Each structure stands twice: as structure tokens, then as C-alpha cells.
């Protein structure tokens, strides 16, 4: 299979294989955003998240992650079904394991590393396997405490397994600006609902560029609710997609 067809197949399955468990308070703007931040859950602290994305296909996600010593470990699954009965992939299921480490250099700057292993769960053995390596950077300027900048850079390695296509490497990067306004900056009706956070992302994966805008409402210890809109800019024919998700803390006794 040449690179052109591989890239087409990868873009078609990327939302299944690149499953990212993004726990409450540890990632930019909540549970389904593409740009990660350099922070991890506290040890023995766990969260679960569920979300869906809808456009020409419907994408369902369920995952959980926990802080284990100095790292954060996660597991997740996604199922995507095409709304087109003539589609050459009526449905697909992906599974993923994640590991993340982060370290705060000071009150403003933090660095981190993450690794994700995703597989196409059907058929067996998997036709695709994806290894993603990511460097993470977060900056929260002391003079603008409401804002945070997140930068990611890394590599995606796709192993085609049973397709006899070998493997391909794809560079990836992303930048996100997150705004968590103080209560006095928003209408009272909004602040009464919980803590709001807004995010804008620009990122590139598998030779395709995307833009995402969204918001999160945190409701204290009960978790948060997320809404975002992703739009393909070039290198993809996916168009736009809405995402709706929830993240909830899990108690470990």
C-alpha cells in the first residue's frame, strides 16, 4: 500500500486509534480535546469520562485514568459507526492504553511526556496499531493567572500489521490557549452554574490540520461538562464535528 492510500486509511481511523483519556483538571479544557497539558492526577486519584462526537459518523468514547505514584495511567475504548449504509467501514472499535508523566519546574512552567498505544479491536489480530509519543509544555504566566498556554509536539507511528503495509511515522503538534475567567468577568447566571473555562486549539495529526473551540463547566467535586466544535482545515475531508462529554471523579478506598 503506498503512502497516499495509507494516509487516507489512517485519517479514516484516527479517531478510533488516537483515544485520549483527558481527566478533569489535568488537561486543557476537559475530556475530549486534542492538546494535552503538562499535569497529572494526584496519586490514588481517579476519574472516568464519557463523550460522543457526531457528524457523518457517530463516535462514542468511555475511559478511566488514575494517578499511580509519579505517573498517570489510563485505559479507554471508542466505537465509531458510519451513518452512510454504503460506507466501506460500517463500524469500528478501538482500544487504547495511556501513560503520562509531568513535572512542574516552578509556578509558571511545567513539562511532561506521554505515550499512547492504540489498536483496532476488530478483527483479531488487529489490522492497525498506533504508538504516539508526545512532549508536553504548559505555561501559566504569573501576571495573567486566568490564562494558560499548552504546547505539544511528538510522533505517531502506525503499524499496519496484517495489511503487510509496514509502518509509517507522522509528526504531530498542537497549541492551545485556555481561559478560566474569574467570577466577576462573567454574568451571574453563568457563574451560578459552575466554574467556566474556554479553550481554542490548533493542531496537526496525520498530515491534516484542525481547529477546535470549546468550553467546560466545572461543578465542584462532581466533575465537569464539555462542549466543543472541531473543524478540519486541510488534508482531511472530515469537515466539522461537535463533541459533548462529561468527566466524573472516582473514589478509591
Protein backbone atom coordinates (compact mmCIF):
# COMPACT_ATOMS: atom_id res chain seq x y z
CA UNK A 1 0.00 0.00 0.00
CA UNK A 2 1.52 3.34 -0.99
CA UNK A 3 1.69 6.39 1.23
CA UNK A 4 -1.32 8.05 -0.37
CA UNK A 5 -3.67 5.21 0.48
CA UNK A 6 -2.12 4.70 3.90
CA UNK A 7 -2.69 8.36 4.78
CA UNK A 8 -6.30 8.08 3.62
CA UNK A 9 -6.92 4.98 5.75
CA UNK A 10 -5.18 6.47 8.77
CA UNK A 11 -7.24 9.66 8.63
CA UNK A 12 -10.35 7.50 8.38
CA UNK A 13 -9.47 5.53 11.52
CA UNK A 14 -7.54 8.13 13.53
CA UNK A 15 -10.46 8.99 15.82
CA UNK A 16 -10.63 5.34 16.83
CA UNK A 17 -6.94 4.74 17.35
CA UNK A 18 -5.97 8.07 18.95
CA UNK A 19 -8.15 7.67 22.02
CA UNK A 20 -7.07 10.24 24.62
CA UNK A 21 -8.31 9.94 28.20
CA UNK A 22 -8.21 13.53 29.42
CA UNK A 23 -9.12 13.68 33.10
CA UNK A 24 -10.73 16.58 34.90
CA UNK A 25 -8.26 19.26 35.90
CA UNK A 26 -5.33 17.55 34.16
CA UNK A 27 -5.88 18.52 30.54
CA UNK A 28 -6.75 21.57 28.52
CA UNK A 29 -10.48 22.20 28.75
CA UNK A 30 -11.67 18.77 29.75
CA UNK A 31 -12.34 15.36 28.35
CA UNK A 32 -12.03 15.29 24.59
CA UNK A 33 -9.57 17.89 23.46
CA UNK A 34 -6.53 17.13 21.31
CA UNK A 35 -3.89 19.28 23.04
CA UNK A 36 -2.77 17.86 26.40
CA UNK A 37 -1.28 19.79 29.29
CA UNK A 38 1.74 19.05 31.47
CA UNK A 39 -0.10 17.91 34.59
CA UNK A 40 -1.19 14.58 36.07
CA UNK A 41 -3.72 13.34 38.58
CA UNK A 42 -2.59 13.03 42.20
CA UNK A 43 -1.58 9.55 43.31
CA UNK A 44 -4.65 7.33 44.06
CA UNK A 45 -6.95 9.91 42.44
CA UNK A 46 -9.07 8.59 39.56
CA UNK A 47 -11.59 9.90 37.04
CA UNK A 48 -13.90 8.43 34.41
CA UNK A 49 -15.02 10.19 31.26
CA UNK A 50 -17.60 9.60 28.54
CA UNK A 51 -18.31 11.61 25.42
CA UNK A 52 -19.68 11.46 21.93
CA UNK A 53 -18.88 13.16 18.64
CA UNK A 54 -21.35 13.44 15.80
CA UNK A 55 -21.10 14.38 12.11
CA UNK A 56 -21.16 11.93 9.19
CA UNK A 57 -20.21 9.30 11.73
CA UNK A 58 -21.13 8.87 15.40
CA UNK A 59 -18.23 8.37 17.80
CA UNK A 60 -18.70 7.05 21.35
CA UNK A 61 -15.96 7.06 24.00
CA UNK A 62 -15.60 5.60 27.51
CA UNK A 63 -12.42 5.78 29.58
CA UNK A 64 -10.84 6.00 33.02
CA UNK A 65 -7.46 7.04 34.41
CA UNK A 66 -5.68 7.12 37.77
CA UNK A 67 -2.62 8.68 39.34
CA UNK A 68 -0.17 5.92 40.25
CA UNK A 69 2.88 7.25 42.04
CA UNK A 70 4.65 9.74 39.75
CA UNK A 71 2.66 8.85 36.61
CA UNK A 72 -0.90 8.76 35.34
CA UNK A 73 -2.26 5.58 33.72
CA UNK A 74 -5.40 5.32 31.60
CA UNK A 75 -7.45 2.92 29.53
CA UNK A 76 -10.23 3.71 27.10
CA UNK A 77 -12.39 2.38 24.28
CA UNK A 78 -14.15 4.03 21.36
CA UNK A 79 -16.73 2.87 18.87
CA UNK A 80 -17.45 4.71 15.63
CA UNK A 81 -20.37 3.97 13.33
CA UNK A 82 -20.97 5.45 9.90
CA UNK A 83 -24.36 6.96 9.13
CA UNK A 84 -23.87 6.03 5.46
CA UNK A 85 -25.15 2.48 4.74
CA UNK A 86 -22.81 2.28 1.71
CA UNK A 87 -19.69 3.13 3.72
CA UNK A 88 -16.75 0.72 3.38
CA UNK A 89 -16.39 0.74 7.19
CA UNK A 90 -19.85 0.49 8.74
CA UNK A 91 -18.39 0.44 12.26
CA UNK A 92 -15.06 0.19 14.03
CA UNK A 93 -13.89 -0.21 17.62
CA UNK A 94 -10.59 0.97 19.09
CA UNK A 95 -8.86 0.30 22.42
CA UNK A 96 -6.07 2.35 23.96
CA UNK A 97 -3.67 2.42 26.91
CA UNK A 98 -2.03 5.65 28.05
CA UNK A 99 0.83 6.67 30.35
CA UNK A 100 1.78 10.24 31.27
CA UNK A 101 4.44 11.91 33.38
CA UNK A 102 4.71 15.61 34.23
CA UNK A 103 6.89 17.86 36.38
CA UNK A 104 6.39 21.48 37.42
CA UNK A 105 9.62 23.47 37.09
CA UNK A 106 8.08 26.39 39.01
CA UNK A 107 4.69 28.04 39.49
CA UNK A 108 4.52 29.07 35.83
CA UNK A 109 6.16 26.32 33.76
CA UNK A 110 5.64 22.56 33.61
CA UNK A 111 6.98 19.85 31.29
CA UNK A 112 5.73 16.36 30.58
CA UNK A 113 5.84 13.25 28.40
CA UNK A 114 3.05 10.93 27.30
CA UNK A 115 2.77 7.62 25.46
CA UNK A 116 -0.34 6.05 23.95
CA UNK A 117 -0.79 2.59 22.43
CA UNK A 118 -3.96 2.11 20.38
CA UNK A 119 -5.21 -0.87 18.40
CA UNK A 120 -8.09 -1.64 16.06
CA UNK A 121 -10.10 -4.06 18.20
CA UNK A 122 -11.79 -5.82 15.28
CA UNK A 123 -10.79 -8.10 13.62
CA UNK A 124 -8.23 -10.08 15.60
CA UNK A 125 -5.29 -9.83 15.25
CA UNK A 126 -5.61 -6.06 14.86
CA UNK A 127 -5.11 -4.60 11.39
CA UNK A 128 -3.66 -1.39 12.84
CA UNK A 129 -1.57 -0.45 15.86
CA UNK A 130 -0.71 3.13 16.78
CA UNK A 131 2.10 4.30 19.08
CA UNK A 132 2.04 8.01 19.96
CA UNK A 133 4.90 9.80 21.72
CA UNK A 134 4.26 13.34 22.90
CA UNK A 135 6.25 16.09 24.60
CA UNK A 136 4.13 18.44 26.75
CA UNK A 137 4.65 22.04 27.84
CA UNK A 138 2.36 24.28 29.93
CA UNK A 139 2.87 27.95 30.76
CA UNK A 140 0.67 29.85 33.22
CA UNK A 141 2.05 33.41 33.38
CA UNK A 142 2.01 34.91 36.86
CA UNK A 143 0.70 38.23 35.56
CA UNK A 144 -2.24 36.57 33.73
CA UNK A 145 -3.32 33.77 36.06
CA UNK A 146 -6.59 33.29 34.19
CA UNK A 147 -4.72 32.10 31.10
CA UNK A 148 -2.67 29.01 30.25
CA UNK A 149 -0.79 28.04 27.10
CA UNK A 150 -0.28 24.36 26.23
CA UNK A 151 2.16 23.13 23.58
CA UNK A 152 2.52 19.55 22.27
CA UNK A 153 4.99 18.01 19.82
CA UNK A 154 5.58 14.37 19.02
CA UNK A 155 5.32 11.44 16.62
CA UNK A 156 2.64 8.93 15.63
CA UNK A 157 3.88 5.54 14.41
CA UNK A 158 1.31 3.46 12.54
CA UNK A 159 1.95 -0.28 12.17
CA UNK A 160 -0.39 -1.82 9.59
CA UNK A 161 0.08 -5.35 10.89
CA UNK A 162 -1.98 -7.76 8.82
CA UNK A 163 -2.18 -5.33 5.90
CA UNK A 164 1.50 -6.00 5.08
CA UNK A 165 2.00 -2.26 4.80
CA UNK A 166 4.90 -1.94 7.22
CA UNK A 167 4.92 1.18 9.38
CA UNK A 168 4.78 4.93 8.81
CA UNK A 169 5.80 7.86 11.00
CA UNK A 170 3.83 11.11 11.21
CA UNK A 171 4.87 14.23 13.07
CA UNK A 172 2.28 15.84 15.29
CA UNK A 173 1.99 19.18 17.09
CA UNK A 174 -0.61 21.31 18.79
CA UNK A 175 -1.07 24.60 20.63
CA UNK A 176 -3.95 25.57 22.92
CA UNK A 177 -4.92 28.75 24.74
CA UNK A 178 -7.10 28.19 27.81
CA UNK A 179 -9.00 30.93 29.64
CA UNK A 180 -10.54 30.35 33.08
CA UNK A 181 -12.18 33.68 33.95
CA UNK A 182 -12.77 34.88 37.47
CA UNK A 183 -16.38 35.03 38.61
CA UNK A 184 -16.69 38.80 38.19
CA UNK A 185 -15.89 38.61 34.47
CA UNK A 186 -18.97 36.54 33.60
CA UNK A 187 -22.73 37.09 34.02
CA UNK A 188 -24.10 35.92 37.36
CA UNK A 189 -26.29 33.37 35.60
CA UNK A 190 -23.18 31.65 34.19
CA UNK A 191 -21.16 31.70 37.40
CA UNK A 192 -24.10 30.17 39.23
CA UNK A 193 -23.75 27.10 37.01
CA UNK A 194 -20.13 26.44 37.99
CA UNK A 195 -16.55 27.28 37.01
CA UNK A 196 -16.26 28.08 33.31
CA UNK A 197 -13.22 27.51 31.12
CA UNK A 198 -12.80 28.26 27.41
CA UNK A 199 -10.22 26.83 25.02
CA UNK A 200 -9.03 27.29 21.44
CA UNK A 201 -6.81 24.68 19.79
CA UNK A 202 -4.86 24.45 16.56
CA UNK A 203 -3.22 21.10 15.87
CA UNK A 204 -1.88 18.78 13.18
CA UNK A 205 -2.04 14.98 13.01
CA UNK A 206 -1.55 12.55 10.13
CA UNK A 207 -0.81 15.32 7.64
CA UNK A 208 -4.14 17.02 8.42
CA UNK A 209 -4.79 20.31 10.24
CA UNK A 210 -7.63 21.02 12.67
CA UNK A 211 -9.11 23.86 14.71
CA UNK A 212 -11.18 23.29 17.85
CA UNK A 213 -13.12 25.73 20.04
CA UNK A 214 -14.93 24.70 23.19
CA UNK A 215 -15.90 25.32 26.80
CA UNK A 216 -16.06 23.42 30.07
CA UNK A 217 -18.31 23.88 33.09
CA UNK A 218 -16.82 22.52 36.31
CA UNK A 219 -19.33 21.65 39.02
CA UNK A 220 -17.05 21.28 42.02
CA UNK A 221 -16.34 17.74 43.18
CA UNK A 222 -19.00 16.36 40.84
CA UNK A 223 -16.88 16.69 37.69
CA UNK A 224 -17.37 18.78 34.56
CA UNK A 225 -19.34 19.04 31.34
CA UNK A 226 -17.69 19.78 27.98
CA UNK A 227 -18.86 21.04 24.60
CA UNK A 228 -16.58 21.69 21.62
CA UNK A 229 -16.57 22.02 17.84
CA UNK A 230 -13.75 20.55 15.73
CA UNK A 231 -13.19 21.69 12.16
CA UNK A 232 -10.84 20.15 9.60
CA UNK A 233 -8.82 22.84 7.83
CA UNK A 234 -6.84 20.95 5.19
CA UNK A 235 -5.57 17.45 4.48
CA UNK A 236 -8.88 15.89 5.54
CA UNK A 237 -12.43 15.60 4.24
CA UNK A 238 -13.96 15.05 7.70
CA UNK A 239 -15.45 18.55 7.85
CA UNK A 240 -16.82 19.67 11.22
CA UNK A 241 -17.84 17.66 14.26
CA UNK A 242 -19.48 18.51 17.59
CA UNK A 243 -18.35 16.83 20.83
CA UNK A 244 -20.28 16.52 24.10
CA UNK A 245 -18.72 14.94 27.19
CA UNK A 246 -18.74 14.50 30.95
CA UNK A 247 -15.92 13.76 33.39
CA UNK A 248 -16.53 12.40 36.89
CA UNK A 249 -14.18 11.69 39.81
CA UNK A 250 -13.89 8.12 41.11
CA UNK A 251 -13.28 7.40 44.79
CA UNK A 252 -10.63 4.76 45.61
CA UNK A 253 -10.88 3.48 49.20
